[in-house]
C-alpha atoms as a PDB file:
ATOM      1  CA  MET A   1       3.926   5.392  -0.682  1.00  0.00           C
ATOM      2  CA  ILE A   2       6.505   2.785   0.196  1.00  0.00           C
ATOM      3  CA  TRP A   3       9.016   1.809  -2.485  1.00  0.00           C
ATOM      4  CA  SER A   4      11.107  -1.357  -2.168  1.00  0.00           C
ATOM      5  CA  PRO A   5      13.685  -3.252  -4.243  1.00  0.00           C
ATOM      6  CA  GLN A   6      11.594  -5.780  -6.150  1.00  0.00           C
ATOM      7  CA  LEU A   7      12.505  -6.656  -9.730  1.00  0.00           C
ATOM      8  CA  GLY A   8      15.856  -4.903  -9.542  1.00  0.00           C
ATOM      9  CA  ALA A   9      14.539  -1.544  -8.343  1.00  0.00           C
ATOM     10  CA  ASP A  10      16.809   0.677  -6.286  1.00  0.00           C
ATOM     11  CA  GLU A  11      16.494   3.983  -4.508  1.00  0.00           C
ATOM     12  CA  SER A  12      17.595   5.945  -7.585  1.00  0.00           C
ATOM     13  CA  HIS A  13      14.357   4.868  -9.321  1.00  0.00           C
ATOM     14  CA  VAL A  14      12.113   6.433  -6.685  1.00  0.00           C
ATOM     15  CA  PRO A  15      12.064  10.068  -7.913  1.00  0.00           C
ATOM     16  CA  GLY A  16      10.874   9.049 -11.375  1.00  0.00           C
ATOM     17  CA  ALA A  17       8.304   6.626 -10.022  1.00  0.00           C
ATOM     18  CA  ALA A  18       7.140   9.143  -7.419  1.00  0.00           C
ATOM     19  CA  ARG A  19       5.929  11.416 -10.220  1.00  0.00           C
ATOM     20  CA  LEU A  20       3.173   8.835 -10.784  1.00  0.00           C
ATOM     21  CA  MET A  21       1.814   9.784  -7.336  1.00  0.00           C
ATOM     22  CA  SER A  22       2.368  13.510  -7.261  1.00  0.00           C
ATOM     23  CA  ASP A  23      -0.514  14.379  -4.919  1.00  0.00           C
ATOM     24  CA  PRO A  24       0.922  16.565  -2.115  1.00  0.00           C
ATOM     25  CA  ARG A  25      -0.779  14.345   0.482  1.00  0.00           C
ATOM     26  CA  VAL A  26       1.437  11.423  -0.552  1.00  0.00           C
ATOM     27  CA  THR A  27       4.761  10.927   1.215  1.00  0.00           C
ATOM     28  CA  HIS A  28       7.320   8.659  -0.452  1.00  0.00           C
ATOM     29  CA  HIS A  29       9.654   6.351   1.486  1.00  0.00           C
ATOM     30  CA  TRP A  30      12.355   3.891   0.395  1.00  0.00           C
ATOM     31  CA  ASP A  31      12.271   0.543   2.236  1.00  0.00           C
ATOM     32  CA  PRO A  32      15.452  -1.313   1.193  1.00  0.00           C
ATOM     33  CA  GLU A  33      14.810  -4.250   3.535  1.00  0.00           C
ATOM     34  CA  MET A  34      11.130  -4.658   2.563  1.00  0.00           C
ATOM     35  CA  LEU A  35      10.109  -4.315   6.219  1.00  0.00           C
ATOM     36  CA  VAL A  36       6.703  -2.820   5.427  1.00  0.00           C
ATOM     37  CA  GLY A  37       5.831  -5.552   2.925  1.00  0.00           C
ATOM     38  CA  GLU A  38       6.834  -8.148   5.476  1.00  0.00           C
ATOM     39  CA  ALA A  39       4.797  -6.498   8.241  1.00  0.00           C
ATOM     40  CA  PHE A  40       1.584  -6.446   6.196  1.00  0.00           C
ATOM     41  CA  ARG A  41       1.955  -9.894   4.671  1.00  0.00           C
ATOM     42  CA  GLY A  42       0.319 -11.563   7.682  1.00  0.00           C
ATOM     43  CA  ILE A  43      -2.800  -9.438   7.383  1.00  0.00           C
ATOM     44  CA  VAL A  44      -3.623 -10.943   3.978  1.00  0.00           C
ATOM     45  CA  HIS A  45      -1.919 -14.307   4.522  1.00  0.00           C
ATOM     46  CA  ALA A  46       0.536 -13.832   1.664  1.00  0.00           C
ATOM     47  CA  ASP A  47       3.413 -16.251   1.146  1.00  0.00           C
ATOM     48  CA  GLN A  48       5.840 -13.415   0.331  1.00  0.00           C
ATOM     49  CA  PRO A  49       6.485  -9.830   1.417  1.00  0.00           C
ATOM     50  CA  LEU A  50       3.917  -7.567  -0.211  1.00  0.00           C
ATOM     51  CA  TRP A  51       4.707  -5.330  -3.170  1.00  0.00           C
ATOM     52  CA  ASP A  52       2.440  -4.065  -5.929  1.00  0.00           C
ATOM     53  CA  PHE A  53      -0.002  -3.923  -3.080  1.00  0.00           C
ATOM     54  CA  TRP A  54      -2.300  -0.969  -2.538  1.00  0.00           C
ATOM     55  CA  MET A  55      -3.869  -0.154   0.827  1.00  0.00           C
ATOM     56  CA  LEU A  56      -6.268   2.477   2.068  1.00  0.00           C
ATOM     57  CA  PHE A  57      -6.678   3.348   5.736  1.00  0.00           C
ATOM     58  CA  ASP A  58      -9.429   5.172   7.546  1.00  0.00           C
ATOM     59  CA  ARG A  59      -8.731   8.306   9.544  1.00  0.00           C
ATOM     60  CA  THR A  60      -8.306   6.404  12.805  1.00  0.00           C
ATOM     61  CA  ALA A  61      -5.532   4.073  11.579  1.00  0.00           C
ATOM     62  CA  ARG A  62      -2.315   4.327  13.598  1.00  0.00           C
ATOM     63  CA  TRP A  63       0.731   2.085  13.549  1.00  0.00           C
ATOM     64  CA  LYS A  64       1.411   1.250  17.181  1.00  0.00           C
ATOM     65  CA  ASP A  65       4.047  -1.136  18.434  1.00  0.00           C
ATOM     66  CA  ALA A  66       5.003  -3.961  16.042  1.00  0.00           C
ATOM     67  CA  ALA A  67       1.569  -4.664  14.579  1.00  0.00           C
ATOM     68  CA  PRO A  68       0.548  -2.586  11.556  1.00  0.00           C
ATOM     69  CA  PRO A  69      -2.982  -1.188  11.346  1.00  0.00           C
ATOM     70  CA  GLU A  70      -5.633  -3.085   9.449  1.00  0.00           C
ATOM     71  CA  PRO A  71      -6.307  -1.425   6.088  1.00  0.00           C
ATOM     72  CA  ALA A  72      -9.879  -0.350   5.377  1.00  0.00           C
ATOM     73  CA  TRP A  73      -9.405  -1.621   1.809  1.00  0.00           C
ATOM     74  CA  TRP A  74      -6.638  -3.265  -0.194  1.00  0.00           C
ATOM     75  CA  GLU A  75      -5.983  -4.489  -3.711  1.00  0.00           C
ATOM     76  CA  HIS A  76      -2.994  -6.200  -5.282  1.00  0.00           C
ATOM     77  CA  GLN A  77      -1.174  -7.212  -8.446  1.00  0.00           C
ATOM     78  CA  LEU A  78       0.350 -10.419  -7.083  1.00  0.00           C
ATOM     79  CA  ARG A  79      -0.100 -14.129  -7.644  1.00  0.00           C
ATOM     80  CA  GLY A  80      -1.586 -16.198  -4.865  1.00  0.00           C
ATOM     81  CA  LEU A  81      -3.946 -13.569  -3.468  1.00  0.00           C
ATOM     82  CA  PRO A  82      -7.713 -13.383  -4.073  1.00  0.00           C
ATOM     83  CA  ASP A  83      -8.709 -12.582  -7.653  1.00  0.00           C
ATOM     84  CA  GLU A  84     -11.582 -10.408  -6.405  1.00  0.00           C
ATOM     85  CA  ARG A  85      -9.010  -8.058  -4.861  1.00  0.00           C
ATOM     86  CA  HIS A  86      -6.845  -7.719  -7.977  1.00  0.00           C
ATOM     87  CA  LEU A  87      -6.199  -4.018  -8.602  1.00  0.00           C
ATOM     88  CA  GLU A  88      -9.027  -2.267 -10.419  1.00  0.00           C
ATOM     89  CA  PRO A  89      -8.070   1.435 -10.487  1.00  0.00           C
ATOM     90  CA  ASP A  90     -11.631   2.760 -10.788  1.00  0.00           C
ATOM     91  CA  ARG A  91     -12.847   0.687  -7.861  1.00  0.00           C
ATOM     92  CA  PHE A  92      -9.788   1.633  -5.819  1.00  0.00           C
ATOM     93  CA  GLY A  93     -10.459   5.307  -6.567  1.00  0.00           C
ATOM     94  CA  ARG A  94     -14.072   4.967  -5.452  1.00  0.00           C
ATOM     95  CA  MET A  95     -12.965   3.360  -2.202  1.00  0.00           C
ATOM     96  CA  ALA A  96     -10.439   6.151  -1.623  1.00  0.00           C
ATOM     97  CA  ALA A  97     -13.091   8.794  -2.288  1.00  0.00           C
ATOM     98  CA  ARG A  98     -15.433   7.163   0.244  1.00  0.00           C
ATOM     99  CA  LEU A  99     -12.733   7.229   2.882  1.00  0.00           C
ATOM    100  CA  LEU A 100     -11.867  10.846   2.121  1.00  0.00           C
ATOM    101  CA  ASP A 101     -15.542  11.790   2.329  1.00  0.00           C
ATOM    102  CA  SER A 102     -16.062  10.024   5.654  1.00  0.00           C
ATOM    103  CA  PRO A 103     -16.335  12.275   8.700  1.00  0.00           C
ATOM    104  CA  ALA A 104     -13.335  12.775  10.935  1.00  0.00           C
ATOM    105  CA  PRO A 105     -13.556  10.863  14.238  1.00  0.00           C
END
């Protein structure tokens, strides 16, 4: 989980917010310069660095060099991105379960 300083957030807010994603498989990182949101913005053709953006990756995804990996699925809560990809938690959960159930490469 990448946390960044949108809407006045700062690093001191991360521990409280991290409790929302308490699964031990989740690692939390603070990105004060919004580098991750900027890196992924080109993948979805966004006009701003991404935030409130949820991505799932398959087991083969690796970040190599400057280009981030392509997510297997993504949803958002932003303006200007496709309505059909607006965050729907149940759908997102189903997509995550499918990826978790997929065989290892």
